[in-house]
Amino acid sequence: MRARLACLTLAAALGAALAAPASHAALFGDDEKLEQLRREIQANEKALEARIAKLEASAADRNALLDLSGQLDQLRSDLARLRGQVEVLANQIDTAEKRQKDLYLDIDTRLRKLEQAKEQPPAAGASGEPAASPAETKAYEAALNQFKLGNYPLAISAFQGFLVTYPSSPLAPSAQYWIGNAHYARRDYKHAIEAQQKLLTAWPDSSKAPDAMFNMASSQEALGDRAAARKTLETLVQKYPASPAAANAKQRLAQGSKR
């Protein structure tokens, strides 16, 4: 650009000696062309800068979109994992609710039997077994009342104290049974099984033995050991076929076979 201006200036200087008016007109015309060319160059530079800026913006937008797409993929993955966890928790809740319902039904049934029979101490029968003494009856009923009130730890302690004080009482098998049932009500299924097993070992011919086996099966089921629960129920039906507990065991076995 400067070289061209220098040439034009030199030409104007040489032509000035011949015709001043013509030289001024020519110089004026070149200046206009230079100015116009300058404006065109500036316009082109601005247009080029605008295009470069637009391209840079587009590249930035693409990077942003790629980053956003990656975040969306991660969110979808997290959402899928959370949905899986929700399904697992929902299944666990349903199972827990079913077990809790079975627990309440079992306890309610037994409490209704208690209300009907009022847990009267057994009288002396053909076997010649003595009836429970008034002191034994009072201690037993005090412990049983704690169970009815839902004070399971206190009921367990009271029944254990009863067995220590009156180990040979006709009410001892029932006391041992309610210890196991109280553990079951507290969802302490391992100790419930141990307590009922003590009853079956010490008093296999007791009227509470079938109920003890049924409670053991319920505890085994609650622990997830279905095979052991089924075996216990089958043994119950075999050993005590005429008991109400055996009828309940048959019903539960039939339900289990449908699963």
C-alpha atoms as a PDB file:
ATOM      1  CA  MET A   1       0.000   0.000   0.000  1.00  0.00           C
ATOM      2  CA  ARG A   2       2.775   2.478   0.926  1.00  0.00           C
ATOM      3  CA  ALA A   3       4.714   1.605  -2.268  1.00  0.00           C
ATOM      4  CA  ARG A   4       1.727   2.411  -4.386  1.00  0.00           C
ATOM      5  CA  LEU A   5       1.271   5.736  -2.622  1.00  0.00           C
ATOM      6  CA  ALA A   6       4.910   6.584  -3.202  1.00  0.00           C
ATOM      7  CA  CYS A   7       4.583   5.867  -6.920  1.00  0.00           C
ATOM      8  CA  LEU A   8       1.495   7.964  -7.196  1.00  0.00           C
ATOM      9  CA  THR A   9       3.150  10.819  -5.341  1.00  0.00           C
ATOM     10  CA  LEU A  10       6.166  10.668  -7.655  1.00  0.00           C
ATOM     11  CA  ALA A  11       3.924  10.644 -10.728  1.00  0.00           C
ATOM     12  CA  ALA A  12       2.033  13.601  -9.415  1.00  0.00           C
ATOM     13  CA  ALA A  13       5.255  15.533  -8.811  1.00  0.00           C
ATOM     14  CA  LEU A  14       6.511  14.866 -12.343  1.00  0.00           C
ATOM     15  CA  GLY A  15       3.201  15.854 -13.892  1.00  0.00           C
ATOM     16  CA  ALA A  16       2.996  19.065 -11.896  1.00  0.00           C
ATOM     17  CA  ALA A  17       5.511  20.742 -14.142  1.00  0.00           C
ATOM     18  CA  LEU A  18       3.338  20.165 -17.219  1.00  0.00           C
ATOM     19  CA  ALA A  19      -0.159  20.896 -16.082  1.00  0.00           C
ATOM     20  CA  ALA A  20      -1.008  21.782 -12.566  1.00  0.00           C
ATOM     21  CA  PRO A  21      -4.795  21.497 -12.950  1.00  0.00           C
ATOM     22  CA  ALA A  22      -4.590  18.069 -14.529  1.00  0.00           C
ATOM     23  CA  SER A  23      -2.139  16.852 -11.878  1.00  0.00           C
ATOM     24  CA  HIS A  24      -4.404  17.935  -9.044  1.00  0.00           C
ATOM     25  CA  ALA A  25      -7.369  16.180 -10.628  1.00  0.00           C
ATOM     26  CA  ALA A  26      -5.357  12.953 -11.107  1.00  0.00           C
ATOM     27  CA  LEU A  27      -4.045  13.012  -7.512  1.00  0.00           C
ATOM     28  CA  PHE A  28      -7.486  13.682  -6.157  1.00  0.00           C
ATOM     29  CA  GLY A  29      -8.841  10.709  -8.151  1.00  0.00           C
ATOM     30  CA  ASP A  30      -6.118   8.375  -6.788  1.00  0.00           C
ATOM     31  CA  ASP A  31      -6.803   9.453  -3.220  1.00  0.00           C
ATOM     32  CA  GLU A  32     -10.440   8.571  -3.611  1.00  0.00           C
ATOM     33  CA  LYS A  33      -9.530   5.173  -4.996  1.00  0.00           C
ATOM     34  CA  LEU A  34      -7.076   4.597  -2.146  1.00  0.00           C
ATOM     35  CA  GLU A  35      -9.662   5.614   0.409  1.00  0.00           C
ATOM     36  CA  GLN A  36     -12.251   3.364  -1.192  1.00  0.00           C
ATOM     37  CA  LEU A  37      -9.752   0.503  -1.280  1.00  0.00           C
ATOM     38  CA  ARG A  38      -8.906   1.140   2.353  1.00  0.00           C
ATOM     39  CA  ARG A  39     -12.567   1.017   3.285  1.00  0.00           C
ATOM     40  CA  GLU A  40     -13.024  -2.219   1.367  1.00  0.00           C
ATOM     41  CA  ILE A  41     -10.029  -3.776   3.111  1.00  0.00           C
ATOM     42  CA  GLN A  42     -11.333  -2.700   6.520  1.00  0.00           C
ATOM     43  CA  ALA A  43     -14.783  -4.071   5.671  1.00  0.00           C
ATOM     44  CA  ASN A  44     -13.238  -7.372   4.574  1.00  0.00           C
ATOM     45  CA  GLU A  45     -11.171  -7.532   7.768  1.00  0.00           C
ATOM     46  CA  LYS A  46     -14.258  -6.945   9.885  1.00  0.00           C
ATOM     47  CA  ALA A  47     -16.202  -9.586   7.954  1.00  0.00           C
ATOM     48  CA  LEU A  48     -13.324 -12.054   8.380  1.00  0.00           C
ATOM     49  CA  GLU A  49     -13.078 -11.344  12.114  1.00  0.00           C
ATOM     50  CA  ALA A  50     -16.828 -11.850  12.426  1.00  0.00           C
ATOM     51  CA  ARG A  51     -16.622 -15.198  10.633  1.00  0.00           C
ATOM     52  CA  ILE A  52     -13.700 -16.301  12.819  1.00  0.00           C
ATOM     53  CA  ALA A  53     -15.608 -15.315  15.964  1.00  0.00           C
ATOM     54  CA  LYS A  54     -18.661 -17.207  14.737  1.00  0.00           C
ATOM     55  CA  LEU A  55     -16.599 -20.314  14.037  1.00  0.00           C
ATOM     56  CA  GLU A  56     -14.991 -20.114  17.491  1.00  0.00           C
ATOM     57  CA  ALA A  57     -18.441 -19.751  19.074  1.00  0.00           C
ATOM     58  CA  SER A  58     -19.708 -22.754  17.137  1.00  0.00           C
ATOM     59  CA  ALA A  59     -16.752 -24.846  18.321  1.00  0.00           C
ATOM     60  CA  ALA A  60     -17.419 -23.792  21.911  1.00  0.00           C
ATOM     61  CA  ASP A  61     -21.079 -24.707  21.503  1.00  0.00           C
ATOM     62  CA  ARG A  62     -20.145 -28.145  20.186  1.00  0.00           C
ATOM     63  CA  ASN A  63     -17.852 -28.766  23.148  1.00  0.00           C
ATOM     64  CA  ALA A  64     -20.602 -27.648  25.502  1.00  0.00           C
ATOM     65  CA  LEU A  65     -23.087 -29.968  23.806  1.00  0.00           C
ATOM     66  CA  LEU A  66     -20.678 -32.883  24.031  1.00  0.00           C
ATOM     67  CA  ASP A  67     -20.143 -32.193  27.745  1.00  0.00           C
ATOM     68  CA  LEU A  68     -23.889 -31.915  28.304  1.00  0.00           C
ATOM     69  CA  SER A  69     -24.463 -35.185  26.463  1.00  0.00           C
ATOM     70  CA  GLY A  70     -21.957 -36.914  28.719  1.00  0.00           C
ATOM     71  CA  GLN A  71     -23.672 -35.547  31.818  1.00  0.00           C
ATOM     72  CA  LEU A  72     -27.056 -36.743  30.539  1.00  0.00           C
ATOM     73  CA  ASP A  73     -25.673 -40.246  29.976  1.00  0.00           C
ATOM     74  CA  GLN A  74     -24.324 -40.295  33.534  1.00  0.00           C
ATOM     75  CA  LEU A  75     -27.667 -39.105  34.902  1.00  0.00           C
ATOM     76  CA  ARG A  76     -29.487 -41.830  32.977  1.00  0.00           C
ATOM     77  CA  SER A  77     -27.107 -44.428  34.419  1.00  0.00           C
ATOM     78  CA  ASP A  78     -27.615 -43.094  37.967  1.00  0.00           C
ATOM     79  CA  LEU A  79     -31.386 -43.063  37.481  1.00  0.00           C
ATOM     80  CA  ALA A  80     -31.385 -46.681  36.282  1.00  0.00           C
ATOM     81  CA  ARG A  81     -29.326 -47.720  39.318  1.00  0.00           C
ATOM     82  CA  LEU A  82     -31.663 -45.872  41.696  1.00  0.00           C
ATOM     83  CA  ARG A  83     -34.690 -47.499  40.111  1.00  0.00           C
ATOM     84  CA  GLY A  84     -33.108 -50.890  40.678  1.00  0.00           C
ATOM     85  CA  GLN A  85     -32.484 -50.045  44.327  1.00  0.00           C
ATOM     86  CA  VAL A  86     -36.070 -48.856  44.734  1.00  0.00           C
ATOM     87  CA  GLU A  87     -37.370 -52.148  43.321  1.00  0.00           C
ATOM     88  CA  VAL A  88     -35.175 -54.150  45.698  1.00  0.00           C
ATOM     89  CA  LEU A  89     -36.306 -52.074  48.693  1.00  0.00           C
ATOM     90  CA  ALA A  90     -39.952 -52.352  47.662  1.00  0.00           C
ATOM     91  CA  ASN A  91     -39.609 -56.137  47.492  1.00  0.00           C
ATOM     92  CA  GLN A  92     -37.952 -56.234  50.903  1.00  0.00           C
ATOM     93  CA  ILE A  93     -40.719 -54.064  52.369  1.00  0.00           C
ATOM     94  CA  ASP A  94     -43.410 -56.314  50.903  1.00  0.00           C
ATOM     95  CA  THR A  95     -41.707 -59.378  52.366  1.00  0.00           C
ATOM     96  CA  ALA A  96     -41.300 -57.720  55.773  1.00  0.00           C
ATOM     97  CA  GLU A  97     -44.932 -56.603  55.786  1.00  0.00           C
ATOM     98  CA  LYS A  98     -46.098 -60.132  54.978  1.00  0.00           C
ATOM     99  CA  ARG A  99     -43.992 -61.600  57.760  1.00  0.00           C
ATOM    100  CA  GLN A 100     -45.237 -58.953  60.163  1.00  0.00           C
ATOM    101  CA  LYS A 101     -48.829 -59.718  59.193  1.00  0.00           C
ATOM    102  CA  ASP A 102     -48.253 -63.427  59.764  1.00  0.00           C
ATOM    103  CA  LEU A 103     -46.716 -62.610  63.128  1.00  0.00           C
ATOM    104  CA  TYR A 104     -49.682 -60.531  64.242  1.00  0.00           C
ATOM    105  CA  LEU A 105     -52.155 -63.147  63.027  1.00  0.00           C
ATOM    106  CA  ASP A 106     -50.295 -65.873  64.864  1.00  0.00           C
ATOM    107  CA  ILE A 107     -50.104 -63.882  68.101  1.00  0.00           C
ATOM    108  CA  ASP A 108     -53.714 -62.763  67.805  1.00  0.00           C
ATOM    109  CA  THR A 109     -54.878 -66.348  67.352  1.00  0.00           C
ATOM    110  CA  ARG A 110     -52.972 -67.491  70.379  1.00  0.00           C
ATOM    111  CA  LEU A 111     -54.187 -64.608  72.511  1.00  0.00           C
ATOM    112  CA  ARG A 112     -57.788 -65.392  71.592  1.00  0.00           C
ATOM    113  CA  LYS A 113     -57.191 -68.958  72.725  1.00  0.00           C
ATOM    114  CA  LEU A 114     -55.788 -67.566  75.953  1.00  0.00           C
ATOM    115  CA  GLU A 115     -58.854 -65.411  76.488  1.00  0.00           C
ATOM    116  CA  GLN A 116     -61.152 -68.342  75.836  1.00  0.00           C
ATOM    117  CA  ALA A 117     -59.299 -70.799  78.030  1.00  0.00           C
ATOM    118  CA  LYS A 118     -58.014 -68.095  80.420  1.00  0.00           C
ATOM    119  CA  GLU A 119     -54.930 -70.263  80.730  1.00  0.00           C
ATOM    120  CA  GLN A 120     -56.331 -72.137  83.716  1.00  0.00           C
ATOM    121  CA  PRO A 121     -53.792 -74.377  85.446  1.00  0.00           C
ATOM    122  CA  PRO A 122     -54.297 -78.031  84.531  1.00  0.00           C
ATOM    123  CA  ALA A 123     -56.129 -80.065  87.103  1.00  0.00           C
ATOM    124  CA  ALA A 124     -54.902 -83.423  88.309  1.00  0.00           C
ATOM    125  CA  GLY A 125     -55.777 -85.963  85.642  1.00  0.00           C
ATOM    126  CA  ALA A 126     -55.555 -89.641  84.990  1.00  0.00           C
ATOM    127  CA  SER A 127     -51.801 -89.408  85.033  1.00  0.00           C
ATOM    128  CA  GLY A 128     -51.911 -88.269  88.597  1.00  0.00           C
ATOM    129  CA  GLU A 129     -50.025 -85.024  87.916  1.00  0.00           C
ATOM    130  CA  PRO A 130     -50.664 -82.430  90.613  1.00  0.00           C
ATOM    131  CA  ALA A 131     -52.400 -79.146  89.830  1.00  0.00           C
ATOM    132  CA  ALA A 132     -50.444 -75.914  89.957  1.00  0.00           C
ATOM    133  CA  SER A 133     -50.313 -74.247  93.340  1.00  0.00           C
ATOM    134  CA  PRO A 134     -51.870 -70.801  93.896  1.00  0.00           C
ATOM    135  CA  ALA A 135     -48.395 -69.301  94.098  1.00  0.00           C
ATOM    136  CA  GLU A 136     -47.398 -70.899  90.809  1.00  0.00           C
ATOM    137  CA  THR A 137     -50.607 -69.725  89.156  1.00  0.00           C
ATOM    138  CA  LYS A 138     -50.133 -66.172  90.381  1.00  0.00           C
ATOM    139  CA  ALA A 139     -46.515 -65.970  89.191  1.00  0.00           C
ATOM    140  CA  TYR A 140     -47.408 -67.494  85.840  1.00  0.00           C
ATOM    141  CA  GLU A 141     -50.339 -65.150  85.226  1.00  0.00           C
ATOM    142  CA  ALA A 142     -48.236 -62.116  86.197  1.00  0.00           C
ATOM    143  CA  ALA A 143     -45.667 -63.048  83.539  1.00  0.00           C
ATOM    144  CA  LEU A 144     -48.386 -63.763  80.985  1.00  0.00           C
ATOM    145  CA  ASN A 145     -49.948 -60.352  81.597  1.00  0.00           C
ATOM    146  CA  GLN A 146     -46.652 -58.711  80.681  1.00  0.00           C
ATOM    147  CA  PHE A 147     -46.723 -60.583  77.381  1.00  0.00           C
ATOM    148  CA  LYS A 148     -50.298 -59.458  76.700  1.00  0.00           C
ATOM    149  CA  LEU A 149     -49.263 -55.866  77.358  1.00  0.00           C
ATOM    150  CA  GLY A 150     -46.452 -56.170  74.843  1.00  0.00           C
ATOM    151  CA  ASN A 151     -43.721 -55.920  77.476  1.00  0.00           C
ATOM    152  CA  TYR A 152     -41.817 -58.793  75.903  1.00  0.00           C
ATOM    153  CA  PRO A 153     -38.419 -58.370  77.630  1.00  0.00           C
ATOM    154  CA  LEU A 154     -40.143 -58.204  81.008  1.00  0.00           C
ATOM    155  CA  ALA A 155     -42.317 -61.199  80.125  1.00  0.00           C
ATOM    156  CA  ILE A 156     -39.224 -63.218  79.194  1.00  0.00           C
ATOM    157  CA  SER A 157     -37.541 -62.349  82.489  1.00  0.00           C
ATOM    158  CA  ALA A 158     -40.697 -63.170  84.447  1.00  0.00           C
ATOM    159  CA  PHE A 159     -41.177 -66.567  82.786  1.00  0.00           C
ATOM    160  CA  GLN A 160     -37.503 -67.417  83.222  1.00  0.00           C
ATOM    161  CA  GLY A 161     -37.787 -66.524  86.901  1.00  0.00           C
ATOM    162  CA  PHE A 162     -40.881 -68.732  87.107  1.00  0.00           C
ATOM    163  CA  LEU A 163     -38.957 -71.704  85.657  1.00  0.00           C
ATOM    164  CA  VAL A 164     -36.126 -71.187  88.138  1.00  0.00           C
ATOM    165  CA  THR A 165     -38.547 -71.015  91.066  1.00  0.00           C
ATOM    166  CA  TYR A 166     -40.968 -73.732  89.891  1.00  0.00           C
ATOM    167  CA  PRO A 167     -39.027 -76.039  87.527  1.00  0.00           C
ATOM    168  CA  SER A 168     -41.438 -78.945  88.115  1.00  0.00           C
ATOM    169  CA  SER A 169     -44.655 -76.951  87.834  1.00  0.00           C
ATOM    170  CA  PRO A 170     -47.357 -78.218  85.460  1.00  0.00           C
ATOM    171  CA  LEU A 171     -47.180 -74.707  83.980  1.00  0.00           C
ATOM    172  CA  ALA A 172     -43.449 -74.989  83.170  1.00  0.00           C
ATOM    173  CA  PRO A 173     -43.968 -76.111  79.513  1.00  0.00           C
ATOM    174  CA  SER A 174     -46.341 -73.194  78.929  1.00  0.00           C
ATOM    175  CA  ALA A 175     -43.877 -70.783  80.527  1.00  0.00           C
ATOM    176  CA  GLN A 176     -41.115 -72.044  78.232  1.00  0.00           C
ATOM    177  CA  TYR A 177     -43.418 -71.723  75.222  1.00  0.00           C
ATOM    178  CA  TRP A 178     -44.221 -68.081  75.992  1.00  0.00           C
ATOM    179  CA  ILE A 179     -40.522 -67.324  76.362  1.00  0.00           C
ATOM    180  CA  GLY A 180     -40.040 -68.489  72.787  1.00  0.00           C
ATOM    181  CA  ASN A 181     -43.133 -66.626  71.600  1.00  0.00           C
ATOM    182  CA  ALA A 182     -41.932 -63.416  73.256  1.00  0.00           C
ATOM    183  CA  HIS A 183     -38.595 -63.709  71.435  1.00  0.00           C
ATOM    184  CA  TYR A 184     -40.532 -64.214  68.214  1.00  0.00           C
ATOM    185  CA  ALA A 185     -42.627 -61.118  68.880  1.00  0.00           C
ATOM    186  CA  ARG A 186     -39.370 -59.172  69.275  1.00  0.00           C
ATOM    187  CA  ARG A 187     -38.157 -60.616  65.936  1.00  0.00           C
ATOM    188  CA  ASP A 188     -35.351 -62.389  67.768  1.00  0.00           C
ATOM    189  CA  TYR A 189     -35.945 -65.522  65.738  1.00  0.00           C
ATOM    190  CA  LYS A 190     -32.766 -67.380  66.700  1.00  0.00           C
ATOM    191  CA  HIS A 191     -33.563 -67.205  70.409  1.00  0.00           C
ATOM    192  CA  ALA A 192     -37.191 -68.077  69.663  1.00  0.00           C
ATOM    193  CA  ILE A 193     -36.050 -71.308  67.991  1.00  0.00           C
ATOM    194  CA  GLU A 194     -33.708 -72.098  70.891  1.00  0.00           C
ATOM    195  CA  ALA A 195     -36.457 -71.525  73.464  1.00  0.00           C
ATOM    196  CA  GLN A 196     -38.981 -73.734  71.663  1.00  0.00           C
ATOM    197  CA  GLN A 197     -36.368 -76.441  71.161  1.00  0.00           C
ATOM    198  CA  LYS A 198     -35.862 -76.486  74.944  1.00  0.00           C
ATOM    199  CA  LEU A 199     -39.573 -77.109  75.368  1.00  0.00           C
ATOM    200  CA  LEU A 200     -39.568 -79.985  72.864  1.00  0.00           C
ATOM    201  CA  THR A 201     -36.534 -81.539  74.547  1.00  0.00           C
ATOM    202  CA  ALA A 202     -37.793 -81.226  78.120  1.00  0.00           C
ATOM    203  CA  TRP A 203     -41.540 -81.741  77.558  1.00  0.00           C
ATOM    204  CA  PRO A 204     -42.115 -83.525  74.227  1.00  0.00           C
ATOM    205  CA  ASP A 205     -45.552 -84.746  75.330  1.00  0.00           C
ATOM    206  CA  SER A 206     -46.798 -81.340  76.487  1.00  0.00           C
ATOM    207  CA  SER A 207     -49.886 -79.840  74.873  1.00  0.00           C
ATOM    208  CA  LYS A 208     -47.659 -76.874  74.026  1.00  0.00           C
ATOM    209  CA  ALA A 209     -45.219 -78.979  71.995  1.00  0.00           C
ATOM    210  CA  PRO A 210     -47.159 -78.709  68.692  1.00  0.00           C
ATOM    211  CA  ASP A 211     -47.466 -74.943  69.119  1.00  0.00           C
ATOM    212  CA  ALA A 212     -43.753 -74.758  69.900  1.00  0.00           C
ATOM    213  CA  MET A 213     -42.913 -76.539  66.643  1.00  0.00           C
ATOM    214  CA  PHE A 214     -45.202 -74.261  64.663  1.00  0.00           C
ATOM    215  CA  ASN A 215     -43.511 -71.225  66.209  1.00  0.00           C
ATOM    216  CA  MET A 216     -40.120 -72.703  65.311  1.00  0.00           C
ATOM    217  CA  ALA A 217     -41.215 -73.073  61.687  1.00  0.00           C
ATOM    218  CA  SER A 218     -42.400 -69.455  61.640  1.00  0.00           C
ATOM    219  CA  SER A 219     -39.036 -68.333  63.013  1.00  0.00           C
ATOM    220  CA  GLN A 220     -37.134 -70.371  60.452  1.00  0.00           C
ATOM    221  CA  GLU A 221     -39.291 -68.902  57.690  1.00  0.00           C
ATOM    222  CA  ALA A 222     -38.594 -65.381  59.004  1.00  0.00           C
ATOM    223  CA  LEU A 223     -34.852 -66.120  58.866  1.00  0.00           C
ATOM    224  CA  GLY A 224     -35.212 -67.136  55.231  1.00  0.00           C
ATOM    225  CA  ASP A 225     -34.555 -70.853  55.858  1.00  0.00           C
ATOM    226  CA  ARG A 226     -37.576 -72.225  54.014  1.00  0.00           C
ATOM    227  CA  ALA A 227     -36.174 -75.735  53.774  1.00  0.00           C
ATOM    228  CA  ALA A 228     -35.814 -75.994  57.566  1.00  0.00           C
ATOM    229  CA  ALA A 229     -39.259 -74.453  58.073  1.00  0.00           C
ATOM    230  CA  ARG A 230     -40.861 -76.981  55.729  1.00  0.00           C
ATOM    231  CA  LYS A 231     -39.109 -79.872  57.469  1.00  0.00           C
ATOM    232  CA  THR A 232     -40.302 -78.620  60.880  1.00  0.00           C
ATOM    233  CA  LEU A 233     -43.895 -78.352  59.637  1.00  0.00           C
ATOM    234  CA  GLU A 234     -43.776 -81.850  58.163  1.00  0.00           C
ATOM    235  CA  THR A 235     -42.427 -83.214  61.461  1.00  0.00           C
ATOM    236  CA  LEU A 236     -45.206 -81.391  63.318  1.00  0.00           C
ATOM    237  CA  VAL A 237     -47.896 -82.991  61.153  1.00  0.00           C
ATOM    238  CA  GLN A 238     -46.292 -86.394  61.608  1.00  0.00           C
ATOM    239  CA  LYS A 239     -45.796 -86.244  65.392  1.00  0.00           C
ATOM    240  CA  TYR A 240     -48.939 -84.351  66.402  1.00  0.00           C
ATOM    241  CA  PRO A 241     -51.459 -85.017  63.605  1.00  0.00           C
ATOM    242  CA  ALA A 242     -54.562 -84.310  65.718  1.00  0.00           C
ATOM    243  CA  SER A 243     -53.397 -80.945  67.088  1.00  0.00           C
ATOM    244  CA  PRO A 244     -54.718 -77.566  65.870  1.00  0.00           C
ATOM    245  CA  ALA A 245     -51.091 -76.620  65.149  1.00  0.00           C
ATOM    246  CA  ALA A 246     -50.863 -79.572  62.731  1.00  0.00           C
ATOM    247  CA  ALA A 247     -53.895 -78.261  60.844  1.00  0.00           C
ATOM    248  CA  ASN A 248     -52.204 -74.871  60.539  1.00  0.00           C
ATOM    249  CA  ALA A 249     -49.005 -76.592  59.429  1.00  0.00           C
ATOM    250  CA  LYS A 250     -50.840 -78.433  56.647  1.00  0.00           C
ATOM    251  CA  GLN A 251     -52.320 -75.171  55.447  1.00  0.00           C
ATOM    252  CA  ARG A 252     -48.939 -73.461  55.386  1.00  0.00           C
ATOM    253  CA  LEU A 253     -47.346 -76.398  53.589  1.00  0.00           C
ATOM    254  CA  ALA A 254     -50.064 -76.200  50.939  1.00  0.00           C
ATOM    255  CA  GLN A 255     -49.437 -72.486  50.504  1.00  0.00           C
ATOM    256  CA  GLY A 256     -45.696 -73.065  50.236  1.00  0.00           C
ATOM    257  CA  SER A 257     -46.124 -75.636  47.495  1.00  0.00           C
ATOM    258  CA  LYS A 258     -47.938 -73.032  45.371  1.00  0.00           C
ATOM    259  CA  ARG A 259     -45.021 -70.594  45.405  1.00  0.00           C
END
